[in-house]
Amino acid sequence: MSMQHSYTSPEPARAEVDALAGPTVVEFGAPWCGHCQAAQAPLAAALTRHPDVRHIKIEDGKGRKLGRSFAVKLWPTLVFLNAGKEEARLVRPVDAATIEQALARLKHAAGLS
């Protein structure tokens, strides 16, 4: 698996996300968001070293139920899930090292360390 560059449309239902097996990073944001754009390079760098982690990019905004179900308030928000259970969360990450730490925690929870 690799980094997803385009936003998933339509967004999946919360039950679908909760049912995903294995480690997954759900990225909430918007294509016009400057913070989201700035996070793409460090996120790509971190995910490149973890090809066994699924990445799902979700466009968030008014009327978007999935983001509300995860209590997303700022973009980008990265939610690190293992088998549907939240293991870590980063809001507006700016460097690959911080993302790497969360990925390591996620992989440890998934038994992939």
Protein backbone atom coordinates (compact mmCIF):
# COMPACT_ATOMS: atom_id res chain seq x y z
CA MET A 1 0.00 0.00 0.00
CA SER A 2 1.19 3.53 -0.55
CA MET A 3 0.18 7.09 0.04
CA GLN A 4 -3.14 8.03 -1.49
CA HIS A 5 -2.82 11.36 -3.32
CA SER A 6 -6.45 12.09 -4.09
CA TYR A 7 -9.37 12.37 -1.73
CA THR A 8 -11.72 9.38 -1.48
CA SER A 9 -15.14 10.13 -2.86
CA PRO A 10 -17.64 9.42 -1.55
CA GLU A 11 -16.35 9.14 1.99
CA PRO A 12 -16.72 5.68 3.51
CA ALA A 13 -19.16 5.05 6.34
CA ARG A 14 -17.76 4.92 9.86
CA ALA A 15 -18.65 1.22 10.06
CA GLU A 16 -16.49 0.56 6.98
CA VAL A 17 -13.51 2.35 8.54
CA ASP A 18 -13.99 0.60 11.88
CA ALA A 19 -14.02 -2.78 10.06
CA LEU A 20 -10.68 -2.25 8.28
CA ALA A 21 -8.14 -4.91 9.19
CA GLY A 22 -4.58 -3.99 10.04
CA PRO A 23 -2.87 -0.62 10.37
CA THR A 24 -4.49 2.35 8.66
CA VAL A 25 -3.87 6.10 8.62
CA VAL A 26 -6.98 8.14 7.93
CA GLU A 27 -6.10 11.66 6.83
CA PHE A 28 -8.83 14.30 7.13
CA GLY A 29 -8.38 17.56 5.24
CA ALA A 30 -9.32 19.59 2.19
CA PRO A 31 -7.52 20.12 -1.13
CA TRP A 32 -7.49 23.92 -0.72
CA CYS A 33 -6.17 23.82 2.89
CA GLY A 34 -2.65 25.26 3.18
CA HIS A 35 -1.86 23.21 6.30
CA CYS A 36 -2.96 20.06 4.45
CA GLN A 37 -0.77 20.90 1.46
CA ALA A 38 2.23 21.56 3.72
CA ALA A 39 1.80 18.19 5.44
CA GLN A 40 1.91 16.17 2.21
CA ALA A 41 5.71 15.99 1.82
CA PRO A 42 6.44 14.84 5.41
CA LEU A 43 3.51 12.42 5.28
CA ALA A 44 4.73 10.95 2.00
CA ALA A 45 8.27 10.61 3.39
CA ALA A 46 7.02 8.77 6.47
CA LEU A 47 4.58 6.51 4.62
CA THR A 48 7.22 5.53 2.05
CA ARG A 49 9.07 3.72 4.84
CA HIS A 50 5.89 1.89 5.92
CA PRO A 51 4.35 0.26 2.82
CA ASP A 52 2.36 -2.13 5.02
CA VAL A 53 0.24 0.74 6.40
CA ARG A 54 -2.94 1.65 4.51
CA HIS A 55 -3.53 5.38 3.88
CA ILE A 56 -6.98 6.81 3.26
CA LYS A 57 -7.39 10.49 2.41
CA ILE A 58 -10.83 11.90 3.32
CA GLU A 59 -12.05 15.33 2.29
CA ASP A 60 -13.64 16.86 5.37
CA GLY A 61 -15.96 19.82 5.79
CA LYS A 62 -19.46 20.92 6.61
CA GLY A 63 -21.94 18.08 6.41
CA ARG A 64 -19.24 15.39 6.34
CA LYS A 65 -20.26 12.74 8.86
CA LEU A 66 -17.03 10.73 9.02
CA GLY A 67 -14.93 13.66 10.22
CA ARG A 68 -17.53 14.53 12.85
CA SER A 69 -17.58 10.93 14.08
CA PHE A 70 -13.82 11.23 14.71
CA ALA A 71 -14.26 14.69 16.33
CA VAL A 72 -12.00 16.34 13.72
CA LYS A 73 -11.73 20.08 14.35
CA LEU A 74 -8.54 21.14 12.49
CA TRP A 75 -6.94 20.00 9.25
CA PRO A 76 -5.06 17.96 8.56
CA THR A 77 -5.87 15.44 11.25
CA LEU A 78 -4.23 12.03 10.96
CA VAL A 79 -5.95 9.20 12.82
CA PHE A 80 -3.86 6.05 13.21
CA LEU A 81 -6.09 2.98 13.46
CA ASN A 82 -5.34 -0.66 14.05
CA ALA A 83 -8.31 -2.89 13.23
CA GLY A 84 -10.63 0.09 13.73
CA LYS A 85 -9.17 1.12 17.11
CA GLU A 86 -7.50 4.52 17.39
CA GLU A 87 -3.88 4.15 18.48
CA ALA A 88 -2.63 7.69 17.83
CA ARG A 89 -3.71 11.05 16.41
CA LEU A 90 -1.77 13.97 14.99
CA VAL A 91 -3.23 17.38 14.25
CA ARG A 92 -1.35 19.57 11.77
CA PRO A 93 1.88 17.56 11.74
CA VAL A 94 4.79 19.48 10.26
CA ASP A 95 7.63 16.97 10.16
CA ALA A 96 8.19 13.38 9.12
CA ALA A 97 9.77 12.44 12.47
CA THR A 98 6.52 13.09 14.36
CA ILE A 99 4.57 11.05 11.82
CA GLU A 100 7.20 8.27 12.01
CA GLN A 101 6.72 8.07 15.80
CA ALA A 102 2.97 7.66 15.40
CA LEU A 103 3.48 5.04 12.67
CA ALA A 104 5.87 3.11 14.93
CA ARG A 105 3.26 3.14 17.71
CA LEU A 106 0.61 1.96 15.24
CA LYS A 107 2.77 -0.85 13.88
CA HIS A 108 3.65 -1.96 17.41
CA ALA A 109 -0.07 -2.14 18.25
CA ALA A 110 -0.60 -4.18 15.07
CA GLY A 111 2.24 -6.54 15.99
CA LEU A 112 4.34 -5.41 13.02
CA SER A 113 7.23 -3.74 14.82
